[in-house]
C-alpha cells in the first residue's frame, strides 16, 4: 500500500511535515471529506472553491497551484463528472472547471491531524468551514416552508415556463391572438411568455431554496435543448449551490435530474463513456436507483439518454464490422427506448412521448442503414437500393414513429416544435440516393428521394400530421419554410438545427434544379459551421458536402 499523506490542519498547515499552501491543503481535505461523505460520487465542485476566492482569476491560479502541489505529494487527482476515469488521460483544458475528485487508489491514503493527533469529523468540518454554513456531517438545515407564503406569483410564472417548455416555446412567446385562441396567457389578456422569460420572472420572485432550485433545473433543461452547453452547466452550478446544505423538498429528484442533465452535457459533447458512467452511477446507488425505477420523469430521461448512447455505440460497432456487438447494442438501445416510451405515457406527458417516438424512428432507420442484425430488424430492399441500405419497410416503420411524434405534438397544441422531425424525415427521404462524390447535376437528379406526398402515404395513421403550412409539397420548401420562420424571428432554432436545415435545403433545392437557392443555403451552412461547437461539426464532414452536385459547389464559391 502506498505511503499515507499526513495533513496537519492546525496553522501553519503542512503535508508530510512540509509547509504547504493553505488553499492546496483546503482542496485536498475537501476531496478527502467528499470521499467520506459520498463514496459513490466523491465530487468537489468549483463552486465550493469559488465561495472562498475573490474572483475567477484567483480561483484558476489556486487550482493550478493545488495541482502542482498534488504532483509534489504524489497524489493523483482528477476532474470531470466521471470519477472512475484515470486522471493521467484527462484533457487539461477542462481542469479549472471541475468537479474534482481523488483517484480511487488514493482515497485511503489521506490522514488528517490536528496538532499531531488524529482529526475528528467535527475538526475536519471546522477546518473546511462546513460547520459555519450548515454542512457539517449529521446536521441538516431545517426544511423551508412553502405553504406559508402569501404571494404565489412565483407559481404563475413557473407554470407558464413549464407549459412553454412543453410546447417548444423556448425563446419565442405566443402572440396574444394565439394565446386567446388556445386559452393560454391569461385568456388572451397578454402574450403567453417564452419559457426563458417565464423562468427568469419566477427566479426573481423565488424566496425558498426549493423554488430557486427548481427554476435552476428547468433553466438547465431549457438551455440544453437550445444547445448552449455553457449556460446549461452554469445553471447546473446554480442548482448545486441552492441544494448544498439545505433540506429541500424533492431533493432526491433534484439530485437525480442534476446527474441526468450533466450526462446530457457529456453526450452532447460526444463523451459517450462519461455520459454512460454518470447514468450508471445514478442507477447503481440509492436513492437514485429507486427513482430510475419508479419516478416516471427520471425513468424517462434516464432510459431515453441511455438508449441514445447505446444507439451511438451500436452504429460505431457496425462501422468497424463488429456485427455481434452492433446487434447486442442495438437490442439494448431498443429496450431502453421501450422503457422510456412506457414512462412517458405513464406520466401522461405528451412532449416526453413525442421526443422518444422520434428517437425510436431515427434509431430504427439508422440500424437499417448500417445493416445491423437485431431481433426486430425488418427484411426487404428498397427498389434500386444497394446492399446495406435500409429496407422500404424499415423506412416506412421509421416514418410512422416520427409521424407519431409529430402527431403527438399537434395534439398537445405544440405550435413551436423543434425542427428535428422535419430534419430526420428529409434524411430518411434521401437515404437511398447514392452517387459518386460531387456528381454532375444529371447524375444527382437521377436519384429519387421519397417525396412529401409519398411520405404521407407511408405515415399511415399519422398522415394528417404532415399537412398545413409547415408541410408544403416539396422538401426544399419544408426546409425553407422553417428557415424563413427563424429569419423573421417567429422561431429561434438552435444553430445545429439551422445548420441541418441549410444542408437539407441545399440538397433538395439542387435536386429540384434551383441551384442559386442551393448555393445560398450552402454558403449559409459554411458560415454557420464556424460558430458551431466542434463536437456538433462532426456530422458535417467532407462526405456529406460531397453528396451535393459540383455545380452547387461552384456557384457557392463564385459568389
Protein backbone atom coordinates (compact mmCIF):
# COMPACT_ATOMS: atom_id res chain seq x y z
CA UNK A 1 0.00 0.00 0.00
CA UNK A 2 1.34 3.50 -0.86
CA UNK A 3 2.61 5.66 1.97
CA UNK A 4 -0.02 7.77 3.77
CA UNK A 5 -0.27 11.50 3.10
CA UNK A 6 -0.34 13.18 6.52
CA UNK A 7 -2.12 16.53 6.55
CA UNK A 8 -1.72 18.85 9.55
CA UNK A 9 -4.80 21.09 9.80
CA UNK A 10 -3.62 23.46 12.51
CA UNK A 11 -1.63 26.52 11.47
CA UNK A 12 0.83 26.53 9.87
CA UNK A 13 -0.63 23.80 7.66
CA UNK A 14 1.70 21.12 6.38
CA UNK A 15 1.69 17.93 4.33
CA UNK A 16 4.07 15.15 5.31
CA UNK A 17 5.86 17.60 7.62
CA UNK A 18 6.47 20.27 4.97
CA UNK A 19 4.75 23.67 4.94
CA UNK A 20 2.01 23.82 2.32
CA UNK A 21 -0.19 26.50 0.74
CA UNK A 22 -3.46 26.87 2.64
CA UNK A 23 -5.68 26.69 -0.48
CA UNK A 24 -3.96 23.50 -1.65
CA UNK A 25 -4.43 21.91 1.76
CA UNK A 26 -8.04 23.07 1.87
CA UNK A 27 -8.83 21.47 -1.51
CA UNK A 28 -7.08 18.24 -0.54
CA UNK A 29 -9.04 18.00 2.72
CA UNK A 30 -12.26 18.87 0.87
CA UNK A 31 -11.56 15.99 -1.54
CA UNK A 32 -10.96 13.70 1.43
CA UNK A 33 -14.20 14.86 3.06
CA UNK A 34 -16.15 14.20 -0.17
CA UNK A 35 -14.76 10.66 -0.25
CA UNK A 36 -16.00 10.03 3.29
CA UNK A 37 -19.38 11.75 2.84
CA UNK A 38 -20.27 10.39 -0.61
CA UNK A 39 -18.01 7.47 -1.57
CA UNK A 40 -20.07 6.64 -4.68
CA UNK A 41 -19.85 10.19 -6.07
CA UNK A 42 -16.96 11.93 -4.28
CA UNK A 43 -17.04 15.14 -6.30
CA UNK A 44 -15.94 18.61 -5.20
CA UNK A 45 -17.33 21.34 -7.43
CA UNK A 46 -15.54 24.52 -8.40
CA UNK A 47 -18.29 26.45 -6.63
CA UNK A 48 -17.00 25.11 -3.31
CA UNK A 49 -13.73 26.89 -4.01
CA UNK A 50 -15.32 29.91 -5.70
CA UNK A 51 -17.08 30.83 -2.46
CA UNK A 52 -13.67 31.25 -0.84
CA UNK A 53 -11.97 33.16 -3.68
CA UNK A 54 -12.26 36.82 -4.60
CA UNK A 55 -12.50 36.36 -8.38
CA UNK A 56 -12.22 33.86 -11.22
CA UNK A 57 -8.55 34.59 -11.87
CA UNK A 58 -7.68 33.89 -8.24
CA UNK A 59 -9.64 30.64 -8.47
CA UNK A 60 -7.78 29.46 -11.57
CA UNK A 61 -4.42 30.31 -10.00
CA UNK A 62 -5.33 28.46 -6.80
CA UNK A 63 -6.41 25.37 -8.73
CA UNK A 64 -3.22 25.40 -10.82
CA UNK A 65 -1.11 25.77 -7.64
CA UNK A 66 -3.04 22.97 -5.93
CA UNK A 67 -2.42 20.56 -8.80
CA UNK A 68 1.29 21.40 -8.71
CA UNK A 69 1.26 20.57 -5.01
CA UNK A 70 -0.69 17.35 -5.60
CA UNK A 71 2.04 16.33 -8.04
CA UNK A 72 4.73 17.02 -5.44
CA UNK A 73 2.79 14.98 -2.90
CA UNK A 74 2.48 12.18 -5.49
CA UNK A 75 -1.31 12.27 -5.36
CA UNK A 76 -3.45 11.63 -8.43
CA UNK A 77 -6.46 13.98 -8.52
CA UNK A 78 -8.91 14.00 -11.41
CA UNK A 79 -11.60 16.32 -12.76
CA UNK A 80 -14.86 15.97 -14.63
CA UNK A 81 -18.13 14.25 -13.79
CA UNK A 82 -16.79 10.69 -14.15
CA UNK A 83 -14.75 9.87 -11.03
CA UNK A 84 -13.87 6.42 -12.39
CA UNK A 85 -11.51 7.83 -15.04
CA UNK A 86 -7.73 7.56 -14.88
CA UNK A 87 -6.51 11.14 -14.19
CA UNK A 88 -3.46 10.60 -16.39
CA UNK A 89 -5.62 10.60 -19.52
CA UNK A 90 -7.85 13.63 -18.86
CA UNK A 91 -7.90 16.77 -21.01
CA UNK A 92 -6.09 19.56 -19.18
CA UNK A 93 -8.23 22.22 -20.87
CA UNK A 94 -11.22 21.47 -18.66
CA UNK A 95 -9.34 21.15 -15.39
CA UNK A 96 -10.23 24.51 -13.86
CA UNK A 97 -13.96 23.84 -14.35
CA UNK A 98 -14.00 20.77 -12.10
CA UNK A 99 -15.56 18.93 -10.45
CA UNK A 100 -12.54 17.40 -8.72
CA UNK A 101 -12.02 14.00 -7.11
CA UNK A 102 -9.36 11.77 -5.65
CA UNK A 103 -8.41 8.80 -7.81
CA UNK A 104 -9.87 5.61 -6.34
CA UNK A 105 -6.49 4.18 -5.31
CA UNK A 106 -5.60 7.39 -3.43
CA UNK A 107 -8.68 7.65 -1.23
CA UNK A 108 -7.35 5.66 1.72
CA UNK A 109 -4.03 7.50 1.88
CA UNK A 110 -5.18 10.79 3.43
CA UNK A 111 -4.64 11.12 7.18
CA UNK A 112 -5.76 14.39 8.80
CA UNK A 113 -4.28 15.55 12.10
CA UNK A 114 -4.74 18.46 14.49
CA UNK A 115 -1.58 19.24 16.46
CA UNK A 116 -0.29 15.73 15.76
CA UNK A 117 -3.43 13.88 16.92
CA UNK A 118 -5.97 12.26 14.55
CA UNK A 119 -8.55 14.83 13.47
CA UNK A 120 -12.19 14.22 14.35
CA UNK A 121 -15.00 14.61 11.82
CA UNK A 122 -16.01 17.83 13.59
CA UNK A 123 -12.46 19.23 13.34
CA UNK A 124 -12.29 18.41 9.63
CA UNK A 125 -15.64 20.14 9.10
CA UNK A 126 -14.43 23.14 11.12
CA UNK A 127 -11.26 23.42 9.03
CA UNK A 128 -13.32 23.36 5.83
CA UNK A 129 -15.83 25.86 7.18
CA UNK A 130 -18.68 23.41 6.84
CA UNK A 131 -19.67 23.93 10.47
CA UNK A 132 -20.36 27.61 9.72
CA UNK A 133 -22.52 27.14 6.62
CA UNK A 134 -24.62 24.28 7.97
CA UNK A 135 -22.98 21.44 6.11
CA UNK A 136 -21.24 19.61 8.94
CA UNK A 137 -21.85 15.90 8.87
CA UNK A 138 -25.03 14.85 10.59
CA UNK A 139 -26.52 18.36 10.66
CA UNK A 140 -29.24 19.17 8.19
CA UNK A 141 -30.79 22.56 7.67
CA UNK A 142 -34.40 22.94 8.70
CA UNK A 143 -36.83 22.44 5.82
CA UNK A 144 -38.18 25.64 4.32
CA UNK A 145 -41.95 26.05 4.28
CA UNK A 146 -43.80 26.70 1.03
CA UNK A 147 -47.39 26.79 2.20
CA UNK A 148 -46.84 29.81 4.46
CA UNK A 149 -46.10 32.16 1.54
CA UNK A 150 -48.57 34.97 0.94
CA UNK A 151 -47.55 35.82 -2.65
CA UNK A 152 -47.97 32.95 -5.11
CA UNK A 153 -46.85 34.89 -8.19
CA UNK A 154 -43.81 32.61 -8.39
CA UNK A 155 -46.03 29.67 -9.29
CA UNK A 156 -47.80 31.56 -12.07
CA UNK A 157 -44.50 32.32 -13.79
CA UNK A 158 -43.01 28.90 -13.09
CA UNK A 159 -46.01 27.04 -14.54
CA UNK A 160 -46.03 29.42 -17.54
CA UNK A 161 -42.41 28.42 -18.10
CA UNK A 162 -43.13 24.70 -17.78
CA UNK A 163 -46.02 24.98 -20.24
CA UNK A 164 -43.88 26.91 -22.71
CA UNK A 165 -41.10 24.34 -22.33
CA UNK A 166 -43.54 21.53 -23.14
CA UNK A 167 -44.80 23.41 -26.19
CA UNK A 168 -41.33 24.20 -27.51
CA UNK A 169 -41.68 27.96 -26.95
CA UNK A 170 -38.17 28.23 -25.56
CA UNK A 171 -37.35 31.79 -26.61
CA UNK A 172 -40.45 32.84 -28.56
CA UNK A 173 -43.68 33.98 -26.86
CA UNK A 174 -47.15 33.04 -28.04
CA UNK A 175 -48.80 36.12 -29.53
CA UNK A 176 -51.90 37.49 -27.83
CA UNK A 177 -54.33 36.33 -30.53
CA UNK A 178 -52.85 32.82 -30.45
CA UNK A 179 -52.98 32.83 -26.65
CA UNK A 180 -56.65 33.77 -26.78
CA UNK A 181 -57.40 31.06 -29.34
CA UNK A 182 -55.73 28.39 -27.23
CA UNK A 183 -56.91 29.63 -23.82
CA UNK A 184 -53.36 30.37 -22.68
CA UNK A 185 -51.74 33.53 -21.42
CA UNK A 186 -54.47 34.77 -19.11
CA UNK A 187 -57.33 34.04 -21.51
CA UNK A 188 -55.72 36.21 -24.15
CA UNK A 189 -55.16 39.19 -21.87
CA UNK A 190 -51.46 39.18 -22.79
CA UNK A 191 -48.88 37.19 -24.68
CA UNK A 192 -48.07 33.75 -23.31
CA UNK A 193 -44.38 34.19 -22.44
CA UNK A 194 -41.46 32.20 -23.74
CA UNK A 195 -40.06 29.62 -21.34
CA UNK A 196 -36.87 31.57 -20.63
CA UNK A 197 -38.79 34.78 -19.90
CA UNK A 198 -41.17 32.98 -17.54
CA UNK A 199 -38.40 31.15 -15.68
CA UNK A 200 -36.43 34.36 -15.19
CA UNK A 201 -39.52 36.06 -13.81
CA UNK A 202 -40.04 33.11 -11.46
CA UNK A 203 -36.41 33.28 -10.36
CA UNK A 204 -36.80 36.95 -9.38
CA UNK A 205 -39.79 36.03 -7.21
CA UNK A 206 -38.38 32.85 -5.67
CA UNK A 207 -37.99 33.02 -1.89
CA UNK A 208 -37.25 29.43 -0.85
CA UNK A 209 -34.33 27.24 -1.82
CA UNK A 210 -36.86 24.78 -3.27
CA UNK A 211 -38.15 27.43 -5.67
CA UNK A 212 -34.67 28.60 -6.66
CA UNK A 213 -33.53 25.00 -7.21
CA UNK A 214 -36.48 24.03 -9.38
CA UNK A 215 -36.09 27.11 -11.55
CA UNK A 216 -32.37 26.36 -11.97
CA UNK A 217 -33.14 22.77 -13.02
CA UNK A 218 -35.71 23.83 -15.59
CA UNK A 219 -33.46 26.56 -16.97
CA UNK A 220 -30.72 23.92 -17.34
CA UNK A 221 -33.15 21.71 -19.28
CA UNK A 222 -34.10 24.67 -21.46
CA UNK A 223 -30.52 25.64 -22.29
CA UNK A 224 -29.67 22.03 -23.08
CA UNK A 225 -32.47 21.92 -25.62
CA UNK A 226 -31.12 25.15 -27.10
CA UNK A 227 -27.71 23.53 -27.44
CA UNK A 228 -25.94 26.06 -25.18
CA UNK A 229 -23.71 23.88 -23.01
CA UNK A 230 -22.03 26.78 -21.22
CA UNK A 231 -25.39 28.09 -19.99
CA UNK A 232 -26.53 24.56 -19.14
CA UNK A 233 -23.51 24.00 -16.93
CA UNK A 234 -23.95 27.45 -15.39
CA UNK A 235 -27.49 26.56 -14.33
CA UNK A 236 -26.30 23.19 -13.01
CA UNK A 237 -23.81 25.06 -10.82
CA UNK A 238 -26.64 27.30 -9.61
CA UNK A 239 -28.69 24.21 -8.79
CA UNK A 240 -25.83 22.71 -6.77
CA UNK A 241 -25.35 25.95 -4.84
CA UNK A 242 -29.01 26.06 -3.91
CA UNK A 243 -29.16 22.44 -2.81
CA UNK A 244 -25.97 22.42 -0.81
CA UNK A 245 -26.68 22.49 2.91
CA UNK A 246 -30.44 22.85 2.58
CA UNK A 247 -33.24 20.38 3.24
CA UNK A 248 -35.17 20.97 0.02
CA UNK A 249 -38.43 19.25 -0.84
CA UNK A 250 -37.78 16.90 -3.73
CA UNK A 251 -34.03 16.92 -3.13
CA UNK A 252 -33.59 13.30 -4.26
CA UNK A 253 -35.37 14.13 -7.51
CA UNK A 254 -33.21 17.22 -7.98
CA UNK A 255 -30.07 15.16 -7.37
CA UNK A 256 -31.15 12.60 -9.95
CA UNK A 257 -32.05 15.21 -12.55
CA UNK A 258 -28.81 17.09 -11.92
CA UNK A 259 -26.91 13.91 -12.76
CA UNK A 260 -29.01 13.29 -15.86
CA UNK A 261 -28.54 16.83 -17.20
CA UNK A 262 -24.78 16.51 -16.57
CA UNK A 263 -24.89 13.25 -18.53
CA UNK A 264 -26.72 15.05 -21.37
CA UNK A 265 -23.93 17.65 -21.44
CA UNK A 266 -21.36 14.86 -21.78
CA UNK A 267 -23.44 13.18 -24.50
CA UNK A 268 -23.80 16.44 -26.44
CA UNK A 269 -20.01 16.80 -26.30
CA UNK A 270 -19.73 13.25 -27.72
CA UNK A 271 -18.27 11.94 -24.46
CA UNK A 272 -20.34 8.76 -24.58
CA UNK A 273 -18.26 6.96 -21.97
CA UNK A 274 -18.59 9.80 -19.50
CA UNK A 275 -22.33 10.14 -20.12
CA UNK A 276 -22.92 6.43 -19.60
CA UNK A 277 -20.80 6.41 -16.43
CA UNK A 278 -22.95 9.20 -14.95
CA UNK A 279 -26.14 7.29 -15.74
CA UNK A 280 -24.75 4.08 -14.29
CA UNK A 281 -23.65 5.84 -11.10
CA UNK A 282 -27.17 7.18 -10.69
CA UNK A 283 -28.82 3.80 -11.28
CA UNK A 284 -26.48 1.84 -9.02
CA UNK A 285 -26.69 3.94 -5.86
CA UNK A 286 -29.59 4.89 -3.60
CA UNK A 287 -31.74 6.91 -3.77
CA UNK A 288 -31.15 7.42 -7.48
CA UNK A 289 -31.60 3.73 -8.23
CA UNK A 290 -35.12 3.80 -6.81
CA UNK A 291 -36.05 6.94 -8.74
CA UNK A 292 -34.82 5.43 -12.01
CA UNK A 293 -37.20 2.55 -11.39
CA UNK A 294 -40.31 4.31 -10.11
CA UNK A 295 -40.26 8.06 -10.88
CA UNK A 296 -41.78 8.48 -14.39
CA UNK A 297 -39.83 11.61 -15.33
CA UNK A 298 -36.47 10.33 -14.07
CA UNK A 299 -37.17 6.93 -15.61
CA UNK A 300 -37.99 8.54 -18.97
CA UNK A 301 -34.96 10.81 -19.03
CA UNK A 302 -32.60 8.05 -17.89
CA UNK A 303 -33.75 5.44 -20.41
CA UNK A 304 -34.09 7.89 -23.30
CA UNK A 305 -30.50 9.06 -22.90
CA UNK A 306 -29.20 5.52 -22.25
CA UNK A 307 -30.90 4.45 -25.49
CA UNK A 308 -29.25 7.23 -27.49
CA UNK A 309 -25.84 6.33 -26.05
CA UNK A 310 -26.26 2.65 -26.93
CA UNK A 311 -27.56 3.62 -30.36
CA UNK A 312 -24.32 5.51 -30.98
CA UNK A 313 -22.27 2.57 -29.71
CA UNK A 314 -24.20 0.18 -31.98
CA UNK A 315 -23.55 2.34 -35.05
CA UNK A 316 -19.85 2.63 -34.14
CA UNK A 317 -19.61 -1.15 -33.80
CA UNK A 318 -21.31 -1.59 -37.17
CA UNK A 319 -18.86 0.86 -38.76
CA UNK A 320 -15.96 -1.36 -37.61
CA UNK A 321 -17.72 -4.54 -38.84
CA UNK A 322 -18.23 -5.85 -35.30
CA UNK A 323 -21.61 -7.31 -36.21
CA UNK A 324 -22.16 -9.24 -32.98
CA UNK A 325 -21.54 -6.21 -30.77
CA UNK A 326 -23.64 -3.99 -33.04
CA UNK A 327 -26.61 -6.34 -32.74
CA UNK A 328 -26.30 -6.61 -28.96
CA UNK A 329 -26.01 -2.84 -28.53
CA UNK A 330 -28.96 -2.25 -30.84
CA UNK A 331 -31.06 -4.63 -28.72
CA UNK A 332 -30.03 -2.69 -25.59
CA UNK A 333 -30.88 0.64 -27.23
CA UNK A 334 -34.33 -0.56 -28.26
CA UNK A 335 -35.00 -1.96 -24.77
CA UNK A 336 -34.14 1.44 -23.26
CA UNK A 337 -36.35 3.22 -25.81
CA UNK A 338 -39.26 0.95 -24.86
CA UNK A 339 -38.78 1.78 -21.17
CA UNK A 340 -38.62 5.50 -21.98
CA UNK A 341 -41.79 5.33 -24.08
CA UNK A 342 -43.66 3.46 -21.35
CA UNK A 343 -42.55 6.01 -18.74
CA UNK A 344 -43.63 8.88 -20.99
CA UNK A 345 -47.13 7.50 -21.43
CA UNK A 346 -47.39 6.51 -17.75
CA UNK A 347 -46.65 10.10 -16.76
CA UNK A 348 -49.15 11.40 -19.34
CA UNK A 349 -46.59 13.91 -20.62
CA UNK A 350 -47.02 14.19 -24.37
CA UNK A 351 -43.78 16.06 -25.05
CA UNK A 352 -41.78 13.22 -23.47
CA UNK A 353 -43.56 10.66 -25.66
CA UNK A 354 -43.04 12.96 -28.63
CA UNK A 355 -39.26 13.06 -28.10
CA UNK A 356 -38.80 9.32 -27.62
CA UNK A 357 -41.05 8.41 -30.56
CA UNK A 358 -38.87 10.49 -32.88
CA UNK A 359 -35.72 8.96 -31.41
CA UNK A 360 -37.11 5.45 -31.95
CA UNK A 361 -37.93 6.20 -35.57
CA UNK A 362 -34.48 7.57 -36.34
CA UNK A 363 -32.77 4.70 -34.50
CA UNK A 364 -34.67 2.05 -36.46
CA UNK A 365 -33.78 3.71 -39.74
CA UNK A 366 -30.11 4.14 -38.80
CA UNK A 367 -29.88 0.49 -37.74
CA UNK A 368 -31.34 -0.50 -41.10
CA UNK A 369 -28.92 1.76 -42.97
CA UNK A 370 -25.99 0.26 -41.08
CA UNK A 371 -27.20 -3.28 -41.81
CA UNK A 372 -27.36 -4.17 -38.11
CA UNK A 373 -28.93 -7.57 -37.49
CA UNK A 374 -31.08 -7.44 -34.38
CA UNK A 375 -34.26 -9.25 -33.40
CA UNK A 376 -36.61 -6.51 -34.61
CA UNK A 377 -34.95 -5.80 -37.96
CA UNK A 378 -37.24 -5.97 -41.00
CA UNK A 379 -36.24 -7.73 -44.25
CA UNK A 380 -36.71 -6.34 -47.75
CA UNK A 381 -34.97 -3.88 -50.03
CA UNK A 382 -35.78 -0.53 -51.50
CA UNK A 383 -36.14 -0.55 -55.28
CA UNK A 384 -32.69 0.01 -56.72
CA UNK A 385 -31.07 0.03 -53.30
CA UNK A 386 -27.51 -1.07 -52.70
CA UNK A 387 -26.58 -3.69 -50.07
CA UNK A 388 -26.74 -2.34 -46.54
CA UNK A 389 -29.36 0.26 -47.37
CA UNK A 390 -32.48 0.36 -45.21
CA UNK A 391 -35.43 -1.66 -46.44
CA UNK A 392 -38.59 0.03 -47.65
CA UNK A 393 -40.47 -1.47 -44.72
CA UNK A 394 -37.82 -0.17 -42.30
CA UNK A 395 -38.15 3.32 -43.77
CA UNK A 396 -41.94 3.08 -43.51
CA UNK A 397 -41.74 2.00 -39.88
CA UNK A 398 -39.35 4.83 -39.05
CA UNK A 399 -41.59 7.36 -40.79
CA UNK A 400 -44.59 6.18 -38.79
CA UNK A 401 -42.74 6.57 -35.49
CA UNK A 402 -41.71 10.10 -36.43
CA UNK A 403 -45.28 10.65 -37.61
CA UNK A 404 -46.48 9.63 -34.15
CA UNK A 405 -44.09 12.19 -32.67
CA UNK A 406 -45.38 14.96 -34.94
CA UNK A 407 -49.00 13.96 -34.30
CA UNK A 408 -48.48 14.00 -30.53
CA UNK A 409 -47.04 17.49 -30.78
CA UNK A 410 -50.06 18.70 -32.73
CA UNK A 411 -52.48 17.06 -30.36
CA UNK A 412 -50.84 18.79 -27.40
CA UNK A 413 -51.15 22.18 -29.10
CA UNK A 414 -47.40 22.41 -29.70
CA UNK A 415 -47.17 25.28 -32.15
CA UNK A 416 -43.43 25.63 -31.71
CA UNK A 417 -41.93 22.18 -32.29
CA UNK A 418 -38.25 21.70 -32.93
CA UNK A 419 -37.07 21.15 -36.48
CA UNK A 420 -35.73 17.67 -35.73
CA UNK A 421 -38.72 15.72 -37.05
CA UNK A 422 -38.51 17.50 -40.40
CA UNK A 423 -34.73 17.05 -40.50
CA UNK A 424 -34.99 13.33 -39.68
CA UNK A 425 -37.59 12.79 -42.40
CA UNK A 426 -35.55 14.66 -45.00
CA UNK A 427 -32.55 12.46 -44.18
CA UNK A 428 -34.68 9.32 -44.49
CA UNK A 429 -36.26 10.54 -47.74
CA UNK A 430 -32.86 10.90 -49.45
CA UNK A 431 -31.37 7.87 -47.70
CA UNK A 432 -31.37 5.68 -50.84
CA UNK A 433 -29.86 8.41 -53.04
CA UNK A 434 -26.25 7.37 -53.52
CA UNK A 435 -23.93 8.91 -56.11
CA UNK A 436 -20.22 9.40 -56.66
CA UNK A 437 -18.70 12.33 -54.72
CA UNK A 438 -19.66 15.72 -56.19
CA UNK A 439 -21.73 14.22 -59.01
CA UNK A 440 -22.82 16.01 -62.14
CA UNK A 441 -26.25 17.59 -61.93
CA UNK A 442 -27.71 14.91 -64.20
CA UNK A 443 -26.28 12.11 -62.04
CA UNK A 444 -27.54 13.83 -58.91
CA UNK A 445 -31.06 14.39 -60.22
CA UNK A 446 -31.29 10.77 -61.40
CA UNK A 447 -31.55 9.73 -57.75
CA UNK A 448 -35.14 9.50 -56.49
CA UNK A 449 -35.82 10.59 -52.89
CA UNK A 450 -39.13 9.80 -51.22
CA UNK A 451 -41.44 12.74 -51.93
CA UNK A 452 -43.64 14.51 -49.40
CA UNK A 453 -46.80 13.01 -50.92
CA UNK A 454 -45.28 9.52 -50.72
CA UNK A 455 -44.23 10.24 -47.14
CA UNK A 456 -47.84 10.97 -46.20
CA UNK A 457 -48.86 7.59 -47.57
CA UNK A 458 -46.07 5.82 -45.68
CA UNK A 459 -47.06 7.63 -42.47
CA UNK A 460 -50.27 5.59 -42.37
CA UNK A 461 -52.46 6.61 -39.40
CA UNK A 462 -50.39 9.75 -38.86
CA UNK A 463 -50.59 11.16 -42.40
CA UNK A 464 -52.55 14.18 -41.16
CA UNK A 465 -49.57 15.21 -39.03
CA UNK A 466 -47.83 16.26 -42.26
CA UNK A 467 -50.39 18.76 -43.51
CA UNK A 468 -50.70 22.51 -43.17
CA UNK A 469 -48.32 25.39 -43.93
CA UNK A 470 -45.36 23.75 -42.18
CA UNK A 471 -45.56 20.79 -44.57
CA UNK A 472 -45.68 22.04 -48.18
CA UNK A 473 -45.48 19.56 -51.04
CA UNK A 474 -41.72 19.67 -51.68
CA UNK A 475 -38.83 19.05 -49.32
CA UNK A 476 -36.89 22.17 -50.21
CA UNK A 477 -39.99 24.19 -49.28
CA UNK A 478 -40.26 22.27 -45.99
CA UNK A 479 -36.70 23.34 -45.10
CA UNK A 480 -37.11 26.88 -46.47
CA UNK A 481 -40.33 27.44 -44.50
CA UNK A 482 -38.59 26.69 -41.20
CA UNK A 483 -35.55 28.80 -42.03
CA UNK A 484 -37.81 31.71 -43.02
CA UNK A 485 -39.61 31.37 -39.68
CA UNK A 486 -36.26 31.69 -37.94
CA UNK A 487 -35.19 34.69 -40.05
CA UNK A 488 -38.46 36.50 -39.26
CA UNK A 489 -37.90 35.90 -35.55
CA UNK A 490 -41.04 33.79 -35.20
CA UNK A 491 -38.93 30.81 -34.15
CA UNK A 492 -35.43 30.57 -32.76
CA UNK A 493 -33.94 27.26 -33.80
CA UNK A 494 -30.61 26.26 -32.23
CA UNK A 495 -27.67 26.61 -34.60
CA UNK A 496 -27.30 22.84 -35.01
CA UNK A 497 -30.89 22.60 -36.26
CA UNK A 498 -30.40 25.61 -38.54
CA UNK A 499 -27.24 24.05 -39.96
CA UNK A 500 -29.06 20.79 -40.65
CA UNK A 501 -31.89 22.70 -42.37
CA UNK A 502 -29.40 24.59 -44.54
CA UNK A 503 -27.88 21.35 -45.75
CA UNK A 504 -31.26 19.77 -46.48
CA UNK A 505 -32.33 22.93 -48.33
CA UNK A 506 -29.12 22.82 -50.38
CA UNK A 507 -29.65 19.14 -51.25
CA UNK A 508 -33.35 19.31 -52.13
CA UNK A 509 -33.16 22.67 -53.91
CA UNK A 510 -30.36 21.28 -56.08
CA UNK A 511 -32.45 18.19 -56.81
CA UNK A 512 -35.33 20.48 -57.85
CA UNK A 513 -32.96 22.37 -60.18
CA UNK A 514 -32.95 25.54 -58.08
CA UNK A 515 -29.18 25.88 -58.00
CA UNK A 516 -28.99 29.50 -56.84
CA UNK A 517 -31.10 28.71 -53.78
CA UNK A 518 -28.98 25.62 -53.13
CA UNK A 519 -25.76 27.64 -53.36
CA UNK A 520 -27.09 30.28 -50.94
CA UNK A 521 -28.00 27.57 -48.46
CA UNK A 522 -24.54 26.02 -48.79
CA UNK A 523 -22.89 29.38 -48.12
CA UNK A 524 -25.10 29.90 -45.05
CA UNK A 525 -24.17 26.44 -43.82
CA UNK A 526 -20.45 27.12 -44.17
CA UNK A 527 -20.79 30.40 -42.28
CA UNK A 528 -22.85 28.76 -39.54
CA UNK A 529 -20.36 25.94 -39.06
CA UNK A 530 -17.73 28.45 -37.92
CA UNK A 531 -19.88 29.19 -34.87
CA UNK A 532 -20.94 25.60 -34.21
CA UNK A 533 -19.33 23.64 -31.38
CA UNK A 534 -16.58 21.32 -32.57
CA UNK A 535 -18.46 18.24 -31.38
CA UNK A 536 -21.50 19.29 -33.44
CA UNK A 537 -19.48 19.70 -36.63
CA UNK A 538 -18.68 16.00 -36.91
CA UNK A 539 -21.83 15.24 -38.90
CA UNK A 540 -20.99 17.93 -41.45
CA UNK A 541 -17.87 16.22 -42.77
CA UNK A 542 -16.48 16.04 -46.30
CA UNK A 543 -18.64 13.03 -47.34
CA UNK A 544 -21.80 15.00 -46.57
CA UNK A 545 -20.69 18.04 -48.56
CA UNK A 546 -19.54 15.79 -51.41
CA UNK A 547 -23.10 14.48 -51.71
CA UNK A 548 -24.02 17.82 -53.30
CA UNK A 549 -23.52 18.20 -57.07
CA UNK A 550 -20.47 20.02 -58.38
CA UNK A 551 -22.44 22.96 -59.90
CA UNK A 552 -23.73 23.91 -56.43
CA UNK A 553 -20.19 23.98 -55.02
CA UNK A 554 -19.06 26.07 -57.98
CA UNK A 555 -21.87 28.60 -57.56
CA UNK A 556 -21.26 28.84 -53.81
CA UNK A 557 -17.57 29.59 -54.46
CA UNK A 558 -18.21 32.16 -57.18
CA UNK A 559 -20.41 34.48 -55.09
